[in-house]
Amino acid sequence: MQLRHVCIERMGYAVPEHAYTSAQIEARLEALYTRLKLPLGRLELMTGIRERRFWEEPITPSAAAIRAALPILEGEPIDCVIHASVCRDRLEPATAAYVHAGLKLSAKTLFFDLSSACLGFLNAMKVAAAFIEGGHMDRVLIVSGENGRPLLEHTIEQLLKPEQTRTSIKPYFANLTIGAGAVAMLLCHEKVHAADKPLIRLKNIMHRVDTSAVHLCEGGHAEGAAYEMMTDAEALLKAGLELAKKAWVDFCDTCHVNAEYFKRIITHQVGRQHQLQLYAALGLDTRYDFSTYETWGNVGSVSVPLSLARYLEVHGGLEGPLALLGIGSGLTTSMMEITSGV
């Protein structure tokens, strides 16, 4: 999808203050490590994740999303709010309804949830961009709040069961990388873009899917196990790389560019192996990477936009054309071109 009028006006994020290190997780799993003769330090060594963050107090996904969105709202009318996380307050009503209420948005502001595993936020960007580009809306607020602590706690509980073996623990490993956080993005039509804000354009979006890999990462499928997630990490990585390679060719063709065009690249923050193998598979230089997984872990649907928000904060804007490369279980991938100026 090629865009002419869609801008990222503002972004905000909220990250818990409490850091939970990989060493602390391994300390809680000491009995498992001792029984299976696993070396300490393997979690950080294999993933590159030193720590992830969790809120100390109980918090709902909507409350986390509100924390991220409040600082970027300046009183202008919002046509729609989309909540796009894996985590939800409850099955009904939409978590976006609680965000709408918490932000005291207008009775004319549409709200709904959009869920697509780790790619929910990027898919919401595509939906919002279509609304704006088509002239149906001027401003769309996208939010996502993820809290991976219940998943981590459930995983530790499962791993400490005496029947676990080196083979049986593998599907749980990815759960130990999950963190918490929230992010908000205000997309708008260029005609209502604030004159005092940097002009950041969302120019191209494309996606590609491979549902033959749908069973490689599943959550909540066991009866009564709302926080269960089982991942065939090796097969998922392989399938994801194959999908990404095909999507990258389509993306560069769509944008009429080559890899050297992008001055910064932000991928889904899975960990070191995903990062390095993805860059190698696409023939990209890792010096253009901007990562946050080292200290924030994998924050699901929040990861890519959170990293973008942090990048814009650190650099005070774009240094040049930027690519977002997202991959979510299912499998699905979405790639976006972001530029600055007119």
C-alpha atoms as a PDB file:
ATOM      1  CA  MET A   1       0.000   0.000   0.000  1.00  0.00           C
ATOM      2  CA  GLN A   2       1.517   3.298  -1.113  1.00  0.00           C
ATOM      3  CA  LEU A   3       0.610   6.371   0.930  1.00  0.00           C
ATOM      4  CA  ARG A   4       0.768  10.101   0.189  1.00  0.00           C
ATOM      5  CA  HIS A   5      -0.944  11.815   3.100  1.00  0.00           C
ATOM      6  CA  VAL A   6      -0.310   9.820   6.302  1.00  0.00           C
ATOM      7  CA  CYS A   7       1.966  11.190   9.033  1.00  0.00           C
ATOM      8  CA  ILE A   8       3.168   9.982  12.416  1.00  0.00           C
ATOM      9  CA  GLU A   9       2.442  13.101  14.439  1.00  0.00           C
ATOM     10  CA  ARG A  10       3.464  11.946  17.910  1.00  0.00           C
ATOM     11  CA  MET A  11       4.512   8.863  19.850  1.00  0.00           C
ATOM     12  CA  GLY A  12       4.615   8.026  23.535  1.00  0.00           C
ATOM     13  CA  TYR A  13       5.604   5.016  25.598  1.00  0.00           C
ATOM     14  CA  ALA A  14       5.582   3.681  29.137  1.00  0.00           C
ATOM     15  CA  VAL A  15       8.134   1.193  30.415  1.00  0.00           C
ATOM     16  CA  PRO A  16       8.091  -0.278  33.940  1.00  0.00           C
ATOM     17  CA  GLU A  17      10.858   0.870  36.255  1.00  0.00           C
ATOM     18  CA  HIS A  18      11.504  -2.561  37.767  1.00  0.00           C
ATOM     19  CA  ALA A  19      14.170  -4.529  35.866  1.00  0.00           C
ATOM     20  CA  TYR A  20      14.087  -8.306  36.071  1.00  0.00           C
ATOM     21  CA  THR A  21      17.363  -9.808  34.889  1.00  0.00           C
ATOM     22  CA  SER A  22      17.983 -13.074  33.098  1.00  0.00           C
ATOM     23  CA  ALA A  23      20.228 -14.044  36.026  1.00  0.00           C
ATOM     24  CA  GLN A  24      17.307 -13.579  38.428  1.00  0.00           C
ATOM     25  CA  ILE A  25      15.116 -15.855  36.322  1.00  0.00           C
ATOM     26  CA  GLU A  26      17.810 -18.524  36.283  1.00  0.00           C
ATOM     27  CA  ALA A  27      18.181 -18.211  40.071  1.00  0.00           C
ATOM     28  CA  ARG A  28      14.491 -19.059  40.428  1.00  0.00           C
ATOM     29  CA  LEU A  29      15.029 -22.038  38.121  1.00  0.00           C
ATOM     30  CA  GLU A  30      18.031 -23.311  40.102  1.00  0.00           C
ATOM     31  CA  ALA A  31      16.404 -26.664  40.861  1.00  0.00           C
ATOM     32  CA  LEU A  32      15.750 -27.286  37.148  1.00  0.00           C
ATOM     33  CA  TYR A  33      19.232 -26.177  36.123  1.00  0.00           C
ATOM     34  CA  THR A  34      20.858 -28.410  38.740  1.00  0.00           C
ATOM     35  CA  ARG A  35      18.756 -31.471  37.927  1.00  0.00           C
ATOM     36  CA  LEU A  36      19.274 -31.180  34.145  1.00  0.00           C
ATOM     37  CA  LYS A  37      22.883 -29.963  34.469  1.00  0.00           C
ATOM     38  CA  LEU A  38      22.187 -26.756  32.535  1.00  0.00           C
ATOM     39  CA  PRO A  39      24.887 -24.044  32.585  1.00  0.00           C
ATOM     40  CA  LEU A  40      24.038 -20.781  34.287  1.00  0.00           C
ATOM     41  CA  GLY A  41      24.048 -17.771  31.979  1.00  0.00           C
ATOM     42  CA  ARG A  42      22.616 -19.644  28.999  1.00  0.00           C
ATOM     43  CA  LEU A  43      19.465 -17.469  28.885  1.00  0.00           C
ATOM     44  CA  GLU A  44      21.332 -14.219  28.340  1.00  0.00           C
ATOM     45  CA  LEU A  45      23.988 -15.917  26.205  1.00  0.00           C
ATOM     46  CA  MET A  46      21.445 -17.375  23.783  1.00  0.00           C
ATOM     47  CA  THR A  47      19.117 -14.359  23.579  1.00  0.00           C
ATOM     48  CA  GLY A  48      21.263 -11.320  24.318  1.00  0.00           C
ATOM     49  CA  ILE A  49      18.535 -10.190  26.738  1.00  0.00           C
ATOM     50  CA  ARG A  50      20.111  -8.954  29.969  1.00  0.00           C
ATOM     51  CA  GLU A  51      16.815  -7.905  31.497  1.00  0.00           C
ATOM     52  CA  ARG A  52      13.167  -7.250  30.854  1.00  0.00           C
ATOM     53  CA  ARG A  53      10.828  -5.016  32.859  1.00  0.00           C
ATOM     54  CA  PHE A  54       7.622  -5.571  34.781  1.00  0.00           C
ATOM     55  CA  TRP A  55       5.299  -3.312  36.696  1.00  0.00           C
ATOM     56  CA  GLU A  56       5.426  -3.872  40.446  1.00  0.00           C
ATOM     57  CA  GLU A  57       1.713  -3.220  40.889  1.00  0.00           C
ATOM     58  CA  PRO A  58      -1.073  -5.122  39.103  1.00  0.00           C
ATOM     59  CA  ILE A  59      -1.915  -3.305  35.886  1.00  0.00           C
ATOM     60  CA  THR A  60      -4.340  -3.912  33.052  1.00  0.00           C
ATOM     61  CA  PRO A  61      -3.321  -3.599  29.383  1.00  0.00           C
ATOM     62  CA  SER A  62      -5.657  -0.615  29.014  1.00  0.00           C
ATOM     63  CA  ALA A  63      -4.140   1.184  32.009  1.00  0.00           C
ATOM     64  CA  ALA A  64      -0.656   0.668  30.579  1.00  0.00           C
ATOM     65  CA  ALA A  65      -1.806   1.955  27.201  1.00  0.00           C
ATOM     66  CA  ILE A  66      -3.349   5.029  28.822  1.00  0.00           C
ATOM     67  CA  ARG A  67      -0.030   5.823  30.516  1.00  0.00           C
ATOM     68  CA  ALA A  68       1.648   5.830  27.107  1.00  0.00           C
ATOM     69  CA  ALA A  69      -1.062   7.871  25.385  1.00  0.00           C
ATOM     70  CA  LEU A  70      -1.814  10.615  27.926  1.00  0.00           C
ATOM     71  CA  PRO A  71       1.396  12.635  27.361  1.00  0.00           C
ATOM     72  CA  ILE A  72       0.871  12.856  23.584  1.00  0.00           C
ATOM     73  CA  LEU A  73      -2.742  14.035  23.531  1.00  0.00           C
ATOM     74  CA  GLU A  74      -3.157  17.777  23.149  1.00  0.00           C
ATOM     75  CA  GLY A  75      -6.916  18.193  22.950  1.00  0.00           C
ATOM     76  CA  GLU A  76      -7.416  17.755  19.214  1.00  0.00           C
ATOM     77  CA  PRO A  77     -10.289  15.515  18.082  1.00  0.00           C
ATOM     78  CA  ILE A  78      -9.474  11.798  17.707  1.00  0.00           C
ATOM     79  CA  ASP A  79     -11.577   9.956  15.145  1.00  0.00           C
ATOM     80  CA  CYS A  80     -10.676   6.433  16.247  1.00  0.00           C
ATOM     81  CA  VAL A  81      -8.699   4.594  18.927  1.00  0.00           C
ATOM     82  CA  ILE A  82      -7.392   1.081  18.283  1.00  0.00           C
ATOM     83  CA  HIS A  83      -5.984  -1.192  20.983  1.00  0.00           C
ATOM     84  CA  ALA A  84      -3.671  -3.694  19.294  1.00  0.00           C
ATOM     85  CA  SER A  85      -1.986  -5.860  21.914  1.00  0.00           C
ATOM     86  CA  VAL A  86      -1.885  -9.584  22.646  1.00  0.00           C
ATOM     87  CA  CYS A  87      -2.969  -8.884  26.233  1.00  0.00           C
ATOM     88  CA  ARG A  88      -6.533  -7.700  26.843  1.00  0.00           C
ATOM     89  CA  ASP A  89      -8.392  -6.546  29.931  1.00  0.00           C
ATOM     90  CA  ARG A  90     -11.099  -9.167  29.325  1.00  0.00           C
ATOM     91  CA  LEU A  91     -12.955 -10.849  26.490  1.00  0.00           C
ATOM     92  CA  GLU A  92     -15.706  -8.232  26.504  1.00  0.00           C
ATOM     93  CA  PRO A  93     -15.919  -5.303  26.040  1.00  0.00           C
ATOM     94  CA  ALA A  94     -13.044  -4.310  23.797  1.00  0.00           C
ATOM     95  CA  THR A  95      -9.983  -3.180  25.734  1.00  0.00           C
ATOM     96  CA  ALA A  96     -10.106  -0.078  23.552  1.00  0.00           C
ATOM     97  CA  ALA A  97     -13.331   0.850  25.365  1.00  0.00           C
ATOM     98  CA  TYR A  98     -11.408   1.207  28.639  1.00  0.00           C
ATOM     99  CA  VAL A  99      -8.744   3.237  26.857  1.00  0.00           C
ATOM    100  CA  HIS A 100     -11.468   5.466  25.380  1.00  0.00           C
ATOM    101  CA  ALA A 101     -12.992   5.997  28.837  1.00  0.00           C
ATOM    102  CA  GLY A 102      -9.651   6.558  30.546  1.00  0.00           C
ATOM    103  CA  LEU A 103      -8.605   9.171  28.007  1.00  0.00           C
ATOM    104  CA  LYS A 104     -12.063  10.807  28.114  1.00  0.00           C
ATOM    105  CA  LEU A 105     -12.372  10.750  24.337  1.00  0.00           C
ATOM    106  CA  SER A 106     -15.361  12.074  22.425  1.00  0.00           C
ATOM    107  CA  ALA A 107     -18.614  10.185  21.951  1.00  0.00           C
ATOM    108  CA  LYS A 108     -17.840  10.472  18.233  1.00  0.00           C
ATOM    109  CA  THR A 109     -14.533   8.581  18.595  1.00  0.00           C
ATOM    110  CA  LEU A 110     -14.790   5.052  17.229  1.00  0.00           C
ATOM    111  CA  PHE A 111     -12.992   2.327  19.208  1.00  0.00           C
ATOM    112  CA  PHE A 112     -12.101  -1.308  18.603  1.00  0.00           C
ATOM    113  CA  ASP A 113      -9.465  -3.951  19.297  1.00  0.00           C
ATOM    114  CA  LEU A 114      -7.220  -5.387  16.603  1.00  0.00           C
ATOM    115  CA  SER A 115      -5.332  -8.526  17.549  1.00  0.00           C
ATOM    116  CA  SER A 116      -2.657 -10.252  15.492  1.00  0.00           C
ATOM    117  CA  ALA A 117      -0.081 -11.587  17.966  1.00  0.00           C
ATOM    118  CA  CYS A 118       3.143  -9.552  17.889  1.00  0.00           C
ATOM    119  CA  LEU A 119       2.119  -7.851  14.648  1.00  0.00           C
ATOM    120  CA  GLY A 120      -1.073  -6.306  16.016  1.00  0.00           C
ATOM    121  CA  PHE A 121       0.290  -2.765  16.232  1.00  0.00           C
ATOM    122  CA  LEU A 122       1.743  -2.744  12.718  1.00  0.00           C
ATOM    123  CA  ASN A 123      -1.485  -4.170  11.331  1.00  0.00           C
ATOM    124  CA  ALA A 124      -3.377  -1.444  13.169  1.00  0.00           C
ATOM    125  CA  MET A 125      -1.106   1.107  11.503  1.00  0.00           C
ATOM    126  CA  LYS A 126      -2.134  -0.279   8.126  1.00  0.00           C
ATOM    127  CA  VAL A 127      -5.832  -0.110   8.980  1.00  0.00           C
ATOM    128  CA  ALA A 128      -5.472   3.416  10.374  1.00  0.00           C
ATOM    129  CA  ALA A 129      -3.462   4.525   7.336  1.00  0.00           C
ATOM    130  CA  ALA A 130      -6.221   3.237   5.049  1.00  0.00           C
ATOM    131  CA  PHE A 131      -8.819   5.240   7.014  1.00  0.00           C
ATOM    132  CA  ILE A 132      -6.701   8.393   6.749  1.00  0.00           C
ATOM    133  CA  GLU A 133      -5.504   7.999   3.161  1.00  0.00           C
ATOM    134  CA  GLY A 134      -9.063   7.333   2.034  1.00  0.00           C
ATOM    135  CA  GLY A 135     -10.253  10.580   3.594  1.00  0.00           C
ATOM    136  CA  HIS A 136     -12.509   8.872   6.151  1.00  0.00           C
ATOM    137  CA  MET A 137     -10.598  10.061   9.238  1.00  0.00           C
ATOM    138  CA  ASP A 138      -8.079  12.760  10.157  1.00  0.00           C
ATOM    139  CA  ARG A 139      -6.541  11.348  13.340  1.00  0.00           C
ATOM    140  CA  VAL A 140      -6.280   7.771  14.615  1.00  0.00           C
ATOM    141  CA  LEU A 141      -4.721   6.848  17.947  1.00  0.00           C
ATOM    142  CA  ILE A 142      -3.144   3.382  18.136  1.00  0.00           C
ATOM    143  CA  VAL A 143      -2.185   1.989  21.543  1.00  0.00           C
ATOM    144  CA  SER A 144      -0.877  -1.272  22.904  1.00  0.00           C
ATOM    145  CA  GLY A 145      -0.220  -2.436  26.451  1.00  0.00           C
ATOM    146  CA  GLU A 146       1.508  -5.735  27.157  1.00  0.00           C
ATOM    147  CA  ASN A 147       2.212  -7.343  30.526  1.00  0.00           C
ATOM    148  CA  GLY A 148       4.194 -10.559  30.220  1.00  0.00           C
ATOM    149  CA  ARG A 149       4.619 -11.181  33.931  1.00  0.00           C
ATOM    150  CA  PRO A 150       1.714 -13.668  34.300  1.00  0.00           C
ATOM    151  CA  LEU A 151       3.160 -15.669  31.389  1.00  0.00           C
ATOM    152  CA  LEU A 152       6.620 -15.656  32.980  1.00  0.00           C
ATOM    153  CA  GLU A 153       5.295 -16.732  36.377  1.00  0.00           C
ATOM    154  CA  HIS A 154       3.234 -19.548  34.844  1.00  0.00           C
ATOM    155  CA  THR A 155       6.248 -20.679  32.809  1.00  0.00           C
ATOM    156  CA  ILE A 156       8.539 -20.833  35.850  1.00  0.00           C
ATOM    157  CA  GLU A 157       5.888 -22.852  37.673  1.00  0.00           C
ATOM    158  CA  GLN A 158       5.726 -25.336  34.782  1.00  0.00           C
ATOM    159  CA  LEU A 159       9.499 -25.600  34.408  1.00  0.00           C
ATOM    160  CA  LEU A 160       9.965 -26.474  38.078  1.00  0.00           C
ATOM    161  CA  LYS A 161       7.791 -29.583  37.789  1.00  0.00           C
ATOM    162  CA  PRO A 162       9.961 -32.676  38.390  1.00  0.00           C
ATOM    163  CA  GLU A 163       8.864 -34.459  35.192  1.00  0.00           C
ATOM    164  CA  GLN A 164      10.437 -31.835  32.917  1.00  0.00           C
ATOM    165  CA  THR A 165      13.301 -32.964  30.656  1.00  0.00           C
ATOM    166  CA  ARG A 166      15.757 -31.171  28.371  1.00  0.00           C
ATOM    167  CA  THR A 167      13.385 -31.902  25.501  1.00  0.00           C
ATOM    168  CA  SER A 168      10.125 -30.952  27.217  1.00  0.00           C
ATOM    169  CA  ILE A 169      11.372 -27.531  28.358  1.00  0.00           C
ATOM    170  CA  LYS A 170      12.223 -26.286  24.852  1.00  0.00           C
ATOM    171  CA  PRO A 171       8.726 -24.976  23.945  1.00  0.00           C
ATOM    172  CA  TYR A 172       8.802 -22.819  27.094  1.00  0.00           C
ATOM    173  CA  PHE A 173      12.111 -21.104  26.428  1.00  0.00           C
ATOM    174  CA  ALA A 174      10.739 -18.169  24.405  1.00  0.00           C
ATOM    175  CA  ASN A 175       8.439 -17.272  27.318  1.00  0.00           C
ATOM    176  CA  LEU A 176      11.474 -16.342  29.412  1.00  0.00           C
ATOM    177  CA  THR A 177      12.288 -13.468  27.035  1.00  0.00           C
ATOM    178  CA  ILE A 178       8.930 -11.692  27.426  1.00  0.00           C
ATOM    179  CA  GLY A 179       8.689  -8.268  29.073  1.00  0.00           C
ATOM    180  CA  ALA A 180       6.121  -5.534  29.648  1.00  0.00           C
ATOM    181  CA  GLY A 181       5.493  -2.066  28.291  1.00  0.00           C
ATOM    182  CA  ALA A 182       3.089   0.178  26.432  1.00  0.00           C
ATOM    183  CA  VAL A 183       3.214   2.442  23.395  1.00  0.00           C
ATOM    184  CA  ALA A 184       0.984   4.972  21.668  1.00  0.00           C
ATOM    185  CA  MET A 185       1.094   6.460  18.169  1.00  0.00           C
ATOM    186  CA  LEU A 186      -1.012   9.283  16.765  1.00  0.00           C
ATOM    187  CA  LEU A 187      -1.389   8.990  12.992  1.00  0.00           C
ATOM    188  CA  CYS A 188      -2.892  11.908  11.112  1.00  0.00           C
ATOM    189  CA  HIS A 189      -3.612  13.319   7.664  1.00  0.00           C
ATOM    190  CA  GLU A 190      -0.989  15.831   6.573  1.00  0.00           C
ATOM    191  CA  LYS A 191      -3.656  18.561   6.328  1.00  0.00           C
ATOM    192  CA  VAL A 192      -4.120  18.531  10.138  1.00  0.00           C
ATOM    193  CA  HIS A 193      -0.487  17.876  11.048  1.00  0.00           C
ATOM    194  CA  ALA A 194       0.734  20.281  13.717  1.00  0.00           C
ATOM    195  CA  ALA A 195       3.037  22.874  12.181  1.00  0.00           C
ATOM    196  CA  ASP A 196       5.370  22.803  15.204  1.00  0.00           C
ATOM    197  CA  LYS A 197       5.951  19.033  14.978  1.00  0.00           C
ATOM    198  CA  PRO A 198       8.534  17.306  12.740  1.00  0.00           C
ATOM    199  CA  LEU A 199       6.951  15.899   9.585  1.00  0.00           C
ATOM    200  CA  ILE A 200       7.345  12.113   9.643  1.00  0.00           C
ATOM    201  CA  ARG A 201       5.626  10.310   6.788  1.00  0.00           C
ATOM    202  CA  LEU A 202       4.382   6.740   6.601  1.00  0.00           C
ATOM    203  CA  LYS A 203       4.946   6.090   2.896  1.00  0.00           C
ATOM    204  CA  ASN A 204       4.741   2.383   2.062  1.00  0.00           C
ATOM    205  CA  ILE A 205       3.305  -0.677   3.778  1.00  0.00           C
ATOM    206  CA  MET A 206       3.297  -4.255   2.552  1.00  0.00           C
ATOM    207  CA  HIS A 207       2.624  -7.633   4.119  1.00  0.00           C
ATOM    208  CA  ARG A 208       3.071 -11.311   3.394  1.00  0.00           C
ATOM    209  CA  VAL A 209       1.767 -14.366   5.275  1.00  0.00           C
ATOM    210  CA  ASP A 210       2.470 -18.083   5.638  1.00  0.00           C
ATOM    211  CA  THR A 211      -0.252 -19.847   7.599  1.00  0.00           C
ATOM    212  CA  SER A 212       1.342 -23.252   7.025  1.00  0.00           C
ATOM    213  CA  ALA A 213       3.389 -22.253  10.083  1.00  0.00           C
ATOM    214  CA  VAL A 214       0.340 -21.433  12.211  1.00  0.00           C
ATOM    215  CA  HIS A 215       1.098 -24.122  14.829  1.00  0.00           C
ATOM    216  CA  LEU A 216       4.697 -23.073  15.572  1.00  0.00           C
ATOM    217  CA  CYS A 217       3.731 -20.586  18.283  1.00  0.00           C
ATOM    218  CA  GLU A 218       0.418 -20.922  20.117  1.00  0.00           C
ATOM    219  CA  GLY A 219      -0.834 -19.329  23.313  1.00  0.00           C
ATOM    220  CA  GLY A 220      -3.784 -20.077  25.535  1.00  0.00           C
ATOM    221  CA  HIS A 221      -4.737 -23.264  23.711  1.00  0.00           C
ATOM    222  CA  ALA A 222      -4.722 -25.544  26.759  1.00  0.00           C
ATOM    223  CA  GLU A 223      -7.951 -25.669  28.796  1.00  0.00           C
ATOM    224  CA  GLY A 224      -7.751 -23.255  31.703  1.00  0.00           C
ATOM    225  CA  ALA A 225      -4.244 -22.092  30.688  1.00  0.00           C
ATOM    226  CA  ALA A 226      -4.786 -18.459  29.778  1.00  0.00           C
ATOM    227  CA  TYR A 227      -1.067 -17.789  30.089  1.00  0.00           C
ATOM    228  CA  GLU A 228       0.191 -20.911  28.353  1.00  0.00           C
ATOM    229  CA  MET A 229       2.393 -20.341  25.314  1.00  0.00           C
ATOM    230  CA  MET A 230       4.297 -23.046  23.462  1.00  0.00           C
ATOM    231  CA  THR A 231       6.835 -22.206  20.776  1.00  0.00           C
ATOM    232  CA  ASP A 232       8.942 -24.318  18.453  1.00  0.00           C
ATOM    233  CA  ALA A 233      11.599 -21.616  18.409  1.00  0.00           C
ATOM    234  CA  GLU A 234      13.938 -23.220  15.875  1.00  0.00           C
ATOM    235  CA  ALA A 235      11.210 -24.008  13.343  1.00  0.00           C
ATOM    236  CA  LEU A 236       9.586 -20.615  13.899  1.00  0.00           C
ATOM    237  CA  LEU A 237      12.857 -18.814  13.242  1.00  0.00           C
ATOM    238  CA  LYS A 238      13.469 -20.812  10.067  1.00  0.00           C
ATOM    239  CA  ALA A 239       9.949 -20.237   8.731  1.00  0.00           C
ATOM    240  CA  GLY A 240      10.077 -16.576   9.707  1.00  0.00           C
ATOM    241  CA  LEU A 241      13.340 -16.008   7.861  1.00  0.00           C
ATOM    242  CA  GLU A 242      11.989 -17.642   4.705  1.00  0.00           C
ATOM    243  CA  LEU A 243       8.885 -15.475   4.850  1.00  0.00           C
ATOM    244  CA  ALA A 244      10.931 -12.344   5.535  1.00  0.00           C
ATOM    245  CA  LYS A 245      13.229 -12.969   2.561  1.00  0.00           C
ATOM    246  CA  LYS A 246      10.274 -13.123   0.174  1.00  0.00           C
ATOM    247  CA  ALA A 247       8.609 -10.125   1.790  1.00  0.00           C
ATOM    248  CA  TRP A 248      11.802  -8.048   1.627  1.00  0.00           C
ATOM    249  CA  VAL A 249      12.016  -8.475  -2.147  1.00  0.00           C
ATOM    250  CA  ASP A 250       8.375  -7.384  -2.480  1.00  0.00           C
ATOM    251  CA  PHE A 251       8.943  -4.470  -0.111  1.00  0.00           C
ATOM    252  CA  CYS A 252      11.973  -3.090  -1.946  1.00  0.00           C
ATOM    253  CA  ASP A 253      10.089  -3.412  -5.245  1.00  0.00           C
ATOM    254  CA  THR A 254       7.104  -1.584  -3.766  1.00  0.00           C
ATOM    255  CA  CYS A 255       9.284   1.239  -2.448  1.00  0.00           C
ATOM    256  CA  HIS A 256      11.456   1.265  -5.613  1.00  0.00           C
ATOM    257  CA  VAL A 257      14.590   1.160  -3.442  1.00  0.00           C
ATOM    258  CA  ASN A 258      17.422  -1.162  -2.484  1.00  0.00           C
ATOM    259  CA  ALA A 259      18.792  -2.055   0.943  1.00  0.00           C
ATOM    260  CA  GLU A 260      21.281   0.830   0.935  1.00  0.00           C
ATOM    261  CA  TYR A 261      18.400   3.322   0.848  1.00  0.00           C
ATOM    262  CA  PHE A 262      17.451   2.811   4.497  1.00  0.00           C
ATOM    263  CA  LYS A 263      19.577   4.605   7.090  1.00  0.00           C
ATOM    264  CA  ARG A 264      17.992   2.820  10.046  1.00  0.00           C
ATOM    265  CA  ILE A 265      16.143  -0.483  10.458  1.00  0.00           C
ATOM    266  CA  ILE A 266      13.987  -1.595  13.369  1.00  0.00           C
ATOM    267  CA  THR A 267      12.945  -5.240  13.583  1.00  0.00           C
ATOM    268  CA  HIS A 268      10.824  -7.180  16.061  1.00  0.00           C
ATOM    269  CA  GLN A 269      12.818  -7.445  19.302  1.00  0.00           C
ATOM    270  CA  VAL A 270      12.977 -11.223  19.712  1.00  0.00           C
ATOM    271  CA  GLY A 271      16.643 -11.476  20.652  1.00  0.00           C
ATOM    272  CA  ARG A 272      20.187 -11.701  19.316  1.00  0.00           C
ATOM    273  CA  GLN A 273      19.820 -14.823  17.156  1.00  0.00           C
ATOM    274  CA  HIS A 274      16.722 -13.508  15.397  1.00  0.00           C
ATOM    275  CA  GLN A 275      18.408 -10.153  14.849  1.00  0.00           C
ATOM    276  CA  LEU A 276      21.636 -11.533  13.403  1.00  0.00           C
ATOM    277  CA  GLN A 277      20.041 -14.222  11.245  1.00  0.00           C
ATOM    278  CA  LEU A 278      17.405 -11.857   9.877  1.00  0.00           C
ATOM    279  CA  TYR A 279      20.005  -9.297   8.840  1.00  0.00           C
ATOM    280  CA  ALA A 280      22.111 -12.032   7.249  1.00  0.00           C
ATOM    281  CA  ALA A 281      19.114 -13.491   5.399  1.00  0.00           C
ATOM    282  CA  LEU A 282      18.146 -10.092   3.974  1.00  0.00           C
ATOM    283  CA  GLY A 283      21.720  -9.050   3.198  1.00  0.00           C
ATOM    284  CA  LEU A 284      21.526  -6.065   5.547  1.00  0.00           C
ATOM    285  CA  ASP A 285      24.257  -4.431   7.609  1.00  0.00           C
ATOM    286  CA  THR A 286      23.656  -4.686  11.368  1.00  0.00           C
ATOM    287  CA  ARG A 287      25.203  -1.237  11.906  1.00  0.00           C
ATOM    288  CA  TYR A 288      21.868   0.199  10.722  1.00  0.00           C
ATOM    289  CA  ASP A 289      19.981  -1.709  13.428  1.00  0.00           C
ATOM    290  CA  PHE A 290      18.341  -0.035  16.413  1.00  0.00           C
ATOM    291  CA  SER A 291      17.512  -2.529  19.154  1.00  0.00           C
ATOM    292  CA  THR A 292      15.935  -2.467  22.603  1.00  0.00           C
ATOM    293  CA  TYR A 293      15.647  -6.189  23.379  1.00  0.00           C
ATOM    294  CA  GLU A 294      18.832  -6.124  25.471  1.00  0.00           C
ATOM    295  CA  THR A 295      17.131  -4.245  28.316  1.00  0.00           C
ATOM    296  CA  TRP A 296      13.401  -4.426  27.515  1.00  0.00           C
ATOM    297  CA  GLY A 297      13.144  -7.976  26.199  1.00  0.00           C
ATOM    298  CA  ASN A 298      10.435  -9.085  23.784  1.00  0.00           C
ATOM    299  CA  VAL A 299       7.360  -6.949  24.507  1.00  0.00           C
ATOM    300  CA  GLY A 300       5.078  -8.577  21.937  1.00  0.00           C
ATOM    301  CA  SER A 301       3.087  -6.132  19.829  1.00  0.00           C
ATOM    302  CA  VAL A 302       4.725  -3.221  21.673  1.00  0.00           C
ATOM    303  CA  SER A 303       8.277  -4.132  20.622  1.00  0.00           C
ATOM    304  CA  VAL A 304       8.581  -2.557  17.146  1.00  0.00           C
ATOM    305  CA  PRO A 305       6.689   0.700  17.848  1.00  0.00           C
ATOM    306  CA  LEU A 306       8.314   1.033  21.284  1.00  0.00           C
ATOM    307  CA  SER A 307      11.733   0.780  19.648  1.00  0.00           C
ATOM    308  CA  LEU A 308      10.678   3.386  17.074  1.00  0.00           C
ATOM    309  CA  ALA A 309       9.486   5.738  19.821  1.00  0.00           C
ATOM    310  CA  ARG A 310      12.741   5.286  21.707  1.00  0.00           C
ATOM    311  CA  TYR A 311      14.766   5.837  18.524  1.00  0.00           C
ATOM    312  CA  LEU A 312      12.951   9.098  17.750  1.00  0.00           C
ATOM    313  CA  GLU A 313      13.500  10.214  21.342  1.00  0.00           C
ATOM    314  CA  VAL A 314      17.216   9.410  21.340  1.00  0.00           C
ATOM    315  CA  HIS A 315      17.944  10.958  17.937  1.00  0.00           C
ATOM    316  CA  GLY A 316      15.432  13.783  18.026  1.00  0.00           C
ATOM    317  CA  GLY A 317      13.802  12.594  14.814  1.00  0.00           C
ATOM    318  CA  LEU A 318      14.747  10.590  11.744  1.00  0.00           C
ATOM    319  CA  GLU A 319      18.316  10.454  10.442  1.00  0.00           C
ATOM    320  CA  GLY A 320      17.047   9.316   7.050  1.00  0.00           C
ATOM    321  CA  PRO A 321      14.620   6.771   5.588  1.00  0.00           C
ATOM    322  CA  LEU A 322      13.730   4.090   8.129  1.00  0.00           C
ATOM    323  CA  ALA A 323      12.276   0.601   7.708  1.00  0.00           C
ATOM    324  CA  LEU A 324      10.104  -1.268  10.190  1.00  0.00           C
ATOM    325  CA  LEU A 325      10.294  -5.044   9.765  1.00  0.00           C
ATOM    326  CA  GLY A 326       7.770  -6.922  11.870  1.00  0.00           C
ATOM    327  CA  ILE A 327       7.149 -10.661  12.130  1.00  0.00           C
ATOM    328  CA  GLY A 328       4.347 -12.254  14.125  1.00  0.00           C
ATOM    329  CA  SER A 329       3.231 -15.798  14.788  1.00  0.00           C
ATOM    330  CA  GLY A 330       0.682 -17.068  12.376  1.00  0.00           C
ATOM    331  CA  LEU A 331       2.991 -16.412  10.384  1.00  0.00           C
ATOM    332  CA  THR A 332       2.691 -12.881   9.127  1.00  0.00           C
ATOM    333  CA  THR A 333       5.146 -10.129   8.339  1.00  0.00           C
ATOM    334  CA  SER A 334       4.687  -6.428   7.709  1.00  0.00           C
ATOM    335  CA  MET A 335       7.275  -3.969   6.402  1.00  0.00           C
ATOM    336  CA  MET A 336       6.973  -0.186   6.373  1.00  0.00           C
ATOM    337  CA  GLU A 337       8.880   2.760   4.934  1.00  0.00           C
ATOM    338  CA  ILE A 338       9.059   5.904   7.063  1.00  0.00           C
ATOM    339  CA  THR A 339      10.630   9.170   5.865  1.00  0.00           C
ATOM    340  CA  SER A 340      10.899  12.775   6.982  1.00  0.00           C
ATOM    341  CA  GLY A 341      10.149  16.111   5.297  1.00  0.00           C
ATOM    342  CA  VAL A 342       7.852  16.995   2.453  1.00  0.00           C
END
